[in-house]
């Protein structure tokens, strides 16, 4: 169901990352998705799992389905932590969508599937997903104070990184200072 909103970020977040903020974002976006929309992550630990924790908390409180899926390479199983959190939802089932043969290929599909992405922290893989998505013309909402790839994208947007020539429409990047601002 549209819009399809992806949350991307680090498997092992950097120090600036606040897991409570990711959980809060998951809760609040799931509340908004009650009207319409679908949420997803890349199905790995770190930011994605924290985000899904917030969704699961909402679902447990409201006896609701998660309106969520994880995007993993074909044949890769979801991690136990995601499956355990899915038990808090009305259906109790985690939806897994396959894309690509490995994580590199899967990253190429993220921007094709998403209507917009939310970038929190991140490392090289997250930066790769973000740039590929921007090249596809996708909106990226960046939690600028979360560090990592989000910090790099924020600097690109503010033109603090010079001598880089990418065919990216930097108007597609929106910087936010808090999860409340994202919501």
Foldseek 3Di string as FASTA:
>chain_A
DPQEEEEEAALDFDPLADLVQLLCLLQVVQVVCVVNYAYEYQQHHDSRLSSLLNLLVNQLVVQAQSSYAHEAAPPDDHDPSNLVSLCSHNVSDHHYHHAHHHLVRSLLCPLVRHQAYEYAAHEDSRLSSVLSNQVVVHAYEAQCSRYHSSVVLVCVLVVVDPPDDDPGDSVSYHYDNGSVVVD
